[in-house]
PDB file of N, CA and C in Angstrom:
ATOM      1  N   MET A   1      10.201   8.422 -13.401  1.00  0.00           N
ATOM      2  CA  MET A   1       9.284   7.721 -14.272  1.00  0.00           C
ATOM      3  C   MET A   1       8.201   6.982 -13.490  1.00  0.00           C
ATOM      4  N   ARG A   2       8.575   6.366 -12.386  1.00  0.00           N
ATOM      5  CA  ARG A   2       7.613   5.594 -11.598  1.00  0.00           C
ATOM      6  C   ARG A   2       6.489   6.496 -11.077  1.00  0.00           C
ATOM      7  N   ILE A   3       6.843   7.688 -10.635  1.00  0.00           N
ATOM      8  CA  ILE A   3       5.818   8.603 -10.114  1.00  0.00           C
ATOM      9  C   ILE A   3       4.849   9.005 -11.216  1.00  0.00           C
ATOM     10  N   ALA A   4       5.367   9.294 -12.389  1.00  0.00           N
ATOM     11  CA  ALA A   4       4.498   9.652 -13.518  1.00  0.00           C
ATOM     12  C   ALA A   4       3.550   8.501 -13.849  1.00  0.00           C
ATOM     13  N   TRP A   5       4.072   7.267 -13.814  1.00  0.00           N
ATOM     14  CA  TRP A   5       3.238   6.101 -14.096  1.00  0.00           C
ATOM     15  C   TRP A   5       2.137   5.973 -13.048  1.00  0.00           C
ATOM     16  N   LEU A   6       2.487   6.150 -11.776  1.00  0.00           N
ATOM     17  CA  LEU A   6       1.501   6.039 -10.705  1.00  0.00           C
ATOM     18  C   LEU A   6       0.408   7.102 -10.819  1.00  0.00           C
ATOM     19  N   ILE A   7       0.793   8.310 -11.151  1.00  0.00           N
ATOM     20  CA  ILE A   7      -0.190   9.382 -11.326  1.00  0.00           C
ATOM     21  C   ILE A   7      -1.122   9.061 -12.488  1.00  0.00           C
ATOM     22  N   ALA A   8      -0.564   8.611 -13.599  1.00  0.00           N
ATOM     23  CA  ALA A   8      -1.377   8.255 -14.767  1.00  0.00           C
ATOM     24  C   ALA A   8      -2.319   7.101 -14.436  1.00  0.00           C
ATOM     25  N   HIS A   9      -1.822   6.110 -13.703  1.00  0.00           N
ATOM     26  CA  HIS A   9      -2.650   4.965 -13.316  1.00  0.00           C
ATOM     27  C   HIS A   9      -3.808   5.420 -12.432  1.00  0.00           C
ATOM     28  N   ARG A  10      -3.523   6.289 -11.485  1.00  0.00           N
ATOM     29  CA  ARG A  10      -4.571   6.798 -10.587  1.00  0.00           C
ATOM     30  C   ARG A  10      -5.636   7.567 -11.384  1.00  0.00           C
ATOM     31  N   ARG A  11      -5.198   8.355 -12.338  1.00  0.00           N
ATOM     32  CA  ARG A  11      -6.164   9.109 -13.163  1.00  0.00           C
ATOM     33  C   ARG A  11      -7.019   8.170 -14.009  1.00  0.00           C
ATOM     34  N   ARG A  12      -6.398   7.118 -14.556  1.00  0.00           N
ATOM     35  CA  ARG A  12      -7.178   6.137 -15.333  1.00  0.00           C
ATOM     36  C   ARG A  12      -8.201   5.446 -14.432  1.00  0.00           C
ATOM     37  N   ARG A  13      -7.794   5.070 -13.238  1.00  0.00           N
ATOM     38  CA  ARG A  13      -8.715   4.405 -12.310  1.00  0.00           C
ATOM     39  C   ARG A  13      -9.853   5.342 -11.940  1.00  0.00           C
ATOM     40  N   GLU A  14      -9.539   6.609 -11.708  1.00  0.00           N
ATOM     41  CA  GLU A  14     -10.579   7.587 -11.391  1.00  0.00           C
ATOM     42  C   GLU A  14     -11.575   7.700 -12.537  1.00  0.00           C
ATOM     43  N   THR A  15     -11.096   7.729 -13.753  1.00  0.00           N
ATOM     44  CA  THR A  15     -11.963   7.793 -14.927  1.00  0.00           C
ATOM     45  C   THR A  15     -12.858   6.562 -14.999  1.00  0.00           C
ATOM     46  N   GLN A  16     -12.296   5.392 -14.711  1.00  0.00           N
ATOM     47  CA  GLN A  16     -13.090   4.161 -14.701  1.00  0.00           C
ATOM     48  C   GLN A  16     -14.185   4.236 -13.639  1.00  0.00           C
ATOM     49  N   ILE A  17     -13.836   4.694 -12.466  1.00  0.00           N
ATOM     50  CA  ILE A  17     -14.817   4.786 -11.381  1.00  0.00           C
ATOM     51  C   ILE A  17     -15.924   5.762 -11.745  1.00  0.00           C
ATOM     52  N   LEU A  18     -15.567   6.919 -12.247  1.00  0.00           N
ATOM     53  CA  LEU A  18     -16.585   7.889 -12.656  1.00  0.00           C
ATOM     54  C   LEU A  18     -17.473   7.321 -13.759  1.00  0.00           C
ATOM     55  N   GLY A  19     -16.913   6.509 -14.630  1.00  0.00           N
ATOM     56  CA  GLY A  19     -17.677   5.898 -15.716  1.00  0.00           C
ATOM     57  C   GLY A  19     -18.718   4.906 -15.243  1.00  0.00           C
ATOM     58  N   THR A  20     -18.547   4.362 -14.052  1.00  0.00           N
ATOM     59  CA  THR A  20     -19.530   3.398 -13.532  1.00  0.00           C
ATOM     60  C   THR A  20     -20.706   4.084 -12.856  1.00  0.00           C
ATOM     61  N   LEU A  21     -20.538   5.341 -12.486  1.00  0.00           N
ATOM     62  CA  LEU A  21     -21.592   6.029 -11.736  1.00  0.00           C
ATOM     63  C   LEU A  21     -22.728   6.429 -12.657  1.00  0.00           C
ATOM     64  N   THR A  22     -23.931   6.052 -12.266  1.00  0.00           N
ATOM     65  CA  THR A  22     -25.123   6.341 -13.055  1.00  0.00           C
ATOM     66  C   THR A  22     -26.077   7.191 -12.227  1.00  0.00           C
ATOM     67  N   SER A  23     -27.157   7.586 -12.841  1.00  0.00           N
ATOM     68  CA  SER A  23     -28.139   8.412 -12.135  1.00  0.00           C
ATOM     69  C   SER A  23     -28.818   7.646 -10.999  1.00  0.00           C
ATOM     70  N   VAL A  24     -28.822   6.314 -11.059  1.00  0.00           N
ATOM     71  CA  VAL A  24     -29.432   5.537  -9.977  1.00  0.00           C
ATOM     72  C   VAL A  24     -28.443   5.270  -8.858  1.00  0.00           C
ATOM     73  N   GLY A  25     -27.175   5.531  -9.085  1.00  0.00           N
ATOM     74  CA  GLY A  25     -26.161   5.367  -8.061  1.00  0.00           C
ATOM     75  C   GLY A  25     -25.592   3.963  -8.013  1.00  0.00           C
ATOM     76  N   GLN A  26     -24.424   3.875  -7.418  1.00  0.00           N
ATOM     77  CA  GLN A  26     -23.709   2.603  -7.307  1.00  0.00           C
ATOM     78  C   GLN A  26     -23.092   2.508  -5.920  1.00  0.00           C
ATOM     79  N   THR A  27     -22.952   1.291  -5.438  1.00  0.00           N
ATOM     80  CA  THR A  27     -22.281   1.053  -4.165  1.00  0.00           C
ATOM     81  C   THR A  27     -20.801   0.781  -4.420  1.00  0.00           C
ATOM     82  N   VAL A  28     -20.016   0.784  -3.369  1.00  0.00           N
ATOM     83  CA  VAL A  28     -18.598   0.443  -3.487  1.00  0.00           C
ATOM     84  C   VAL A  28     -18.451  -0.955  -4.080  1.00  0.00           C
ATOM     85  N   ASP A  29     -19.274  -1.894  -3.631  1.00  0.00           N
ATOM     86  CA  ASP A  29     -19.202  -3.259  -4.159  1.00  0.00           C
ATOM     87  C   ASP A  29     -19.472  -3.289  -5.659  1.00  0.00           C
ATOM     88  N   GLN A  30     -20.510  -2.591  -6.107  1.00  0.00           N
ATOM     89  CA  GLN A  30     -20.848  -2.572  -7.532  1.00  0.00           C
ATOM     90  C   GLN A  30     -19.740  -1.923  -8.355  1.00  0.00           C
ATOM     91  N   ILE A  31     -19.218  -0.824  -7.873  1.00  0.00           N
ATOM     92  CA  ILE A  31     -18.144  -0.128  -8.585  1.00  0.00           C
ATOM     93  C   ILE A  31     -16.908  -1.007  -8.661  1.00  0.00           C
ATOM     94  N   THR A  32     -16.556  -1.642  -7.550  1.00  0.00           N
ATOM     95  CA  THR A  32     -15.370  -2.496  -7.513  1.00  0.00           C
ATOM     96  C   THR A  32     -15.480  -3.622  -8.520  1.00  0.00           C
ATOM     97  N   LEU A  33     -16.622  -4.293  -8.560  1.00  0.00           N
ATOM     98  CA  LEU A  33     -16.790  -5.401  -9.501  1.00  0.00           C
ATOM     99  C   LEU A  33     -16.759  -4.935 -10.949  1.00  0.00           C
ATOM    100  N   ALA A  34     -17.216  -3.720 -11.208  1.00  0.00           N
ATOM    101  CA  ALA A  34     -17.193  -3.186 -12.571  1.00  0.00           C
ATOM    102  C   ALA A  34     -15.785  -2.786 -13.001  1.00  0.00           C
ATOM    103  N   VAL A  35     -14.996  -2.272 -12.082  1.00  0.00           N
ATOM    104  CA  VAL A  35     -13.672  -1.745 -12.410  1.00  0.00           C
ATOM    105  C   VAL A  35     -12.593  -2.828 -12.347  1.00  0.00           C
ATOM    106  N   TYR A  36     -12.708  -3.714 -11.386  1.00  0.00           N
ATOM    107  CA  TYR A  36     -11.694  -4.760 -11.174  1.00  0.00           C
ATOM    108  C   TYR A  36     -12.233  -6.109 -11.663  1.00  0.00           C
ATOM    109  N   LYS A  37     -12.460  -6.233 -12.942  1.00  0.00           N
ATOM    110  CA  LYS A  37     -13.075  -7.439 -13.511  1.00  0.00           C
ATOM    111  C   LYS A  37     -12.159  -8.654 -13.486  1.00  0.00           C
ATOM    112  N   ASP A  38     -10.877  -8.460 -13.647  1.00  0.00           N
ATOM    113  CA  ASP A  38      -9.953  -9.576 -13.761  1.00  0.00           C
ATOM    114  C   ASP A  38      -9.051  -9.745 -12.538  1.00  0.00           C
ATOM    115  N   VAL A  39      -9.531  -9.338 -11.393  1.00  0.00           N
ATOM    116  CA  VAL A  39      -8.727  -9.409 -10.173  1.00  0.00           C
ATOM    117  C   VAL A  39      -9.087 -10.677  -9.405  1.00  0.00           C
ATOM    118  N   SER A  40      -8.083 -11.288  -8.823  1.00  0.00           N
ATOM    119  CA  SER A  40      -8.294 -12.465  -7.984  1.00  0.00           C
ATOM    120  C   SER A  40      -9.270 -12.120  -6.859  1.00  0.00           C
ATOM    121  N   PRO A  41     -10.186 -13.033  -6.538  1.00  0.00           N
ATOM    122  CA  PRO A  41     -11.116 -12.782  -5.432  1.00  0.00           C
ATOM    123  C   PRO A  41     -10.407 -12.439  -4.113  1.00  0.00           C
ATOM    124  N   ALA A  42      -9.214 -12.933  -3.927  1.00  0.00           N
ATOM    125  CA  ALA A  42      -8.470 -12.634  -2.706  1.00  0.00           C
ATOM    126  C   ALA A  42      -8.090 -11.157  -2.612  1.00  0.00           C
ATOM    127  N   LEU A  43      -8.042 -10.475  -3.744  1.00  0.00           N
ATOM    128  CA  LEU A  43      -7.647  -9.062  -3.769  1.00  0.00           C
ATOM    129  C   LEU A  43      -8.828  -8.087  -3.744  1.00  0.00           C
ATOM    130  N   ILE A  44     -10.039  -8.610  -3.801  1.00  0.00           N
ATOM    131  CA  ILE A  44     -11.224  -7.748  -3.842  1.00  0.00           C
ATOM    132  C   ILE A  44     -11.329  -6.851  -2.601  1.00  0.00           C
ATOM    133  N   PRO A  45     -11.060  -7.329  -1.390  1.00  0.00           N
ATOM    134  CA  PRO A  45     -11.135  -6.403  -0.236  1.00  0.00           C
ATOM    135  C   PRO A  45     -10.197  -5.201  -0.394  1.00  0.00           C
ATOM    136  N   ALA A  46      -8.995  -5.414  -0.889  1.00  0.00           N
ATOM    137  CA  ALA A  46      -8.068  -4.292  -1.115  1.00  0.00           C
ATOM    138  C   ALA A  46      -8.589  -3.388  -2.221  1.00  0.00           C
ATOM    139  N   ALA A  47      -9.168  -3.983  -3.254  1.00  0.00           N
ATOM    140  CA  ALA A  47      -9.738  -3.194  -4.349  1.00  0.00           C
ATOM    141  C   ALA A  47     -10.885  -2.319  -3.847  1.00  0.00           C
ATOM    142  N   LYS A  48     -11.716  -2.859  -2.971  1.00  0.00           N
ATOM    143  CA  LYS A  48     -12.821  -2.076  -2.405  1.00  0.00           C
ATOM    144  C   LYS A  48     -12.291  -0.878  -1.614  1.00  0.00           C
ATOM    145  N   ARG A  49     -11.227  -1.097  -0.848  1.00  0.00           N
ATOM    146  CA  ARG A  49     -10.642   0.020  -0.089  1.00  0.00           C
ATOM    147  C   ARG A  49     -10.097   1.087  -1.033  1.00  0.00           C
ATOM    148  N   ASN A  50      -9.489   0.661  -2.128  1.00  0.00           N
ATOM    149  CA  ASN A  50      -8.963   1.604  -3.108  1.00  0.00           C
ATOM    150  C   ASN A  50     -10.094   2.399  -3.765  1.00  0.00           C
ATOM    151  N   VAL A  51     -11.155   1.710  -4.142  1.00  0.00           N
ATOM    152  CA  VAL A  51     -12.305   2.395  -4.742  1.00  0.00           C
ATOM    153  C   VAL A  51     -12.880   3.404  -3.760  1.00  0.00           C
ATOM    154  N   PHE A  52     -13.040   3.011  -2.498  1.00  0.00           N
ATOM    155  CA  PHE A  52     -13.600   3.941  -1.520  1.00  0.00           C
ATOM    156  C   PHE A  52     -12.696   5.156  -1.336  1.00  0.00           C
ATOM    157  N   ALA A  53     -11.392   4.953  -1.342  1.00  0.00           N
ATOM    158  CA  ALA A  53     -10.461   6.082  -1.226  1.00  0.00           C
ATOM    159  C   ALA A  53     -10.651   7.050  -2.395  1.00  0.00           C
ATOM    160  N   HIS A  54     -10.813   6.521  -3.589  1.00  0.00           N
ATOM    161  CA  HIS A  54     -11.086   7.376  -4.750  1.00  0.00           C
ATOM    162  C   HIS A  54     -12.401   8.123  -4.567  1.00  0.00           C
ATOM    163  N   LEU A  55     -13.428   7.425  -4.069  1.00  0.00           N
ATOM    164  CA  LEU A  55     -14.735   8.046  -3.886  1.00  0.00           C
ATOM    165  C   LEU A  55     -14.689   9.165  -2.846  1.00  0.00           C
ATOM    166  N   VAL A  56     -13.939   8.968  -1.787  1.00  0.00           N
ATOM    167  CA  VAL A  56     -13.776  10.027  -0.781  1.00  0.00           C
ATOM    168  C   VAL A  56     -13.163  11.258  -1.440  1.00  0.00           C
ATOM    169  N   ASP A  57     -12.111  11.051  -2.215  1.00  0.00           N
ATOM    170  CA  ASP A  57     -11.449  12.160  -2.904  1.00  0.00           C
ATOM    171  C   ASP A  57     -12.404  12.853  -3.879  1.00  0.00           C
ATOM    172  N   LEU A  58     -13.125  12.073  -4.672  1.00  0.00           N
ATOM    173  CA  LEU A  58     -14.059  12.642  -5.648  1.00  0.00           C
ATOM    174  C   LEU A  58     -15.179  13.426  -4.960  1.00  0.00           C
ATOM    175  N   GLN A  59     -15.659  12.931  -3.839  1.00  0.00           N
ATOM    176  CA  GLN A  59     -16.713  13.632  -3.105  1.00  0.00           C
ATOM    177  C   GLN A  59     -16.177  14.939  -2.533  1.00  0.00           C
ATOM    178  N   GLN A  60     -14.972  14.901  -1.994  1.00  0.00           N
ATOM    179  CA  GLN A  60     -14.379  16.114  -1.439  1.00  0.00           C
ATOM    180  C   GLN A  60     -14.121  17.160  -2.512  1.00  0.00           C
ATOM    181  N   ARG A  61     -13.878  16.722  -3.734  1.00  0.00           N
ATOM    182  CA  ARG A  61     -13.667  17.650  -4.845  1.00  0.00           C
ATOM    183  C   ARG A  61     -14.972  18.059  -5.524  1.00  0.00           C
ATOM    184  N   GLY A  62     -16.101  17.579  -4.997  1.00  0.00           N
ATOM    185  CA  GLY A  62     -17.405  17.996  -5.496  1.00  0.00           C
ATOM    186  C   GLY A  62     -17.840  17.330  -6.788  1.00  0.00           C
ATOM    187  N   GLN A  63     -17.240  16.215  -7.150  1.00  0.00           N
ATOM    188  CA  GLN A  63     -17.590  15.553  -8.413  1.00  0.00           C
ATOM    189  C   GLN A  63     -18.655  14.480  -8.257  1.00  0.00           C
ATOM    190  N   ILE A  64     -18.843  13.986  -7.037  1.00  0.00           N
ATOM    191  CA  ILE A  64     -19.850  12.972  -6.780  1.00  0.00           C
ATOM    192  C   ILE A  64     -20.567  13.298  -5.482  1.00  0.00           C
ATOM    193  N   THR A  65     -21.684  12.601  -5.272  1.00  0.00           N
ATOM    194  CA  THR A  65     -22.384  12.703  -4.000  1.00  0.00           C
ATOM    195  C   THR A  65     -22.498  11.313  -3.398  1.00  0.00           C
ATOM    196  N   ALA A  66     -22.592  11.263  -2.086  1.00  0.00           N
ATOM    197  CA  ALA A  66     -22.759  10.022  -1.347  1.00  0.00           C
ATOM    198  C   ALA A  66     -24.063  10.104  -0.573  1.00  0.00           C
ATOM    199  N   HIS A  67     -24.877   9.057  -0.662  1.00  0.00           N
ATOM    200  CA  HIS A  67     -26.178   9.043   0.014  1.00  0.00           C
ATOM    201  C   HIS A  67     -26.240   7.853   0.956  1.00  0.00           C
ATOM    202  N   PRO A  68     -26.630   7.982   2.192  1.00  0.00           N
ATOM    203  CA  PRO A  68     -27.024   9.230   2.812  1.00  0.00           C
ATOM    204  C   PRO A  68     -25.833  10.061   3.273  1.00  0.00           C
ATOM    205  N   ASP A  69     -24.717   9.429   3.602  1.00  0.00           N
ATOM    206  CA  ASP A  69     -23.516  10.121   4.048  1.00  0.00           C
ATOM    207  C   ASP A  69     -22.303   9.469   3.426  1.00  0.00           C
ATOM    208  N   LEU A  70     -21.162  10.123   3.528  1.00  0.00           N
ATOM    209  CA  LEU A  70     -19.914   9.567   3.001  1.00  0.00           C
ATOM    210  C   LEU A  70     -19.422   8.464   3.936  1.00  0.00           C
ATOM    211  N   GLN A  71     -19.760   7.243   3.564  1.00  0.00           N
ATOM    212  CA  GLN A  71     -19.292   6.065   4.281  1.00  0.00           C
ATOM    213  C   GLN A  71     -19.261   4.895   3.304  1.00  0.00           C
ATOM    214  N   SER A  72     -18.598   3.830   3.685  1.00  0.00           N
ATOM    215  CA  SER A  72     -18.348   2.744   2.743  1.00  0.00           C
ATOM    216  C   SER A  72     -19.610   2.044   2.253  1.00  0.00           C
ATOM    217  N   ASP A  73     -20.720   2.163   2.963  1.00  0.00           N
ATOM    218  CA  ASP A  73     -21.955   1.514   2.511  1.00  0.00           C
ATOM    219  C   ASP A  73     -22.926   2.494   1.830  1.00  0.00           C
ATOM    220  N   ALA A  74     -22.438   3.657   1.476  1.00  0.00           N
ATOM    221  CA  ALA A  74     -23.274   4.662   0.814  1.00  0.00           C
ATOM    222  C   ALA A  74     -23.533   4.281  -0.646  1.00  0.00           C
ATOM    223  N   VAL A  75     -24.450   5.010  -1.251  1.00  0.00           N
ATOM    224  CA  VAL A  75     -24.699   4.917  -2.686  1.00  0.00           C
ATOM    225  C   VAL A  75     -24.139   6.191  -3.296  1.00  0.00           C
ATOM    226  N   PHE A  76     -23.332   6.040  -4.326  1.00  0.00           N
ATOM    227  CA  PHE A  76     -22.609   7.152  -4.935  1.00  0.00           C
ATOM    228  C   PHE A  76     -23.181   7.465  -6.311  1.00  0.00           C
ATOM    229  N   THR A  77     -23.327   8.757  -6.582  1.00  0.00           N
ATOM    230  CA  THR A  77     -23.764   9.222  -7.900  1.00  0.00           C
ATOM    231  C   THR A  77     -22.868  10.354  -8.373  1.00  0.00           C
ATOM    232  N   ALA A  78     -22.739  10.461  -9.678  1.00  0.00           N
ATOM    233  CA  ALA A  78     -21.959  11.558 -10.263  1.00  0.00           C
ATOM    234  C   ALA A  78     -22.807  12.819 -10.252  1.00  0.00           C
ATOM    235  N   LYS A  79     -22.173  13.932 -10.035  1.00  0.00           N
ATOM    236  CA  LYS A  79     -22.876  15.216 -10.143  1.00  0.00           C
ATOM    237  C   LYS A  79     -22.899  15.615 -11.605  1.00  0.00           C
ATOM    238  N   ASN A  80     -24.005  16.202 -12.003  1.00  0.00           N
ATOM    239  CA  ASN A  80     -24.121  16.658 -13.400  1.00  0.00           C
ATOM    240  C   ASN A  80     -23.790  18.108 -13.529  1.00  0.00           C
TER     241      ASN A  80
END
């Protein structure tokens, strides 16, 4: 049961992250603040790492682009 819950949670988080991406692009910081609205400020660095991990996966699967390169300070956009 725990594994199923974790997979479902990851998919929900991925959907949230994709929902924040606009045609003008978003940074890891912007995405994190949009997705983790009720998180303690002490947990924001961990949240940013989690968001970036999702973005790396999404970019590798061809669902998003990173400008100029895939790195934590890039601007991310969804592919149409």
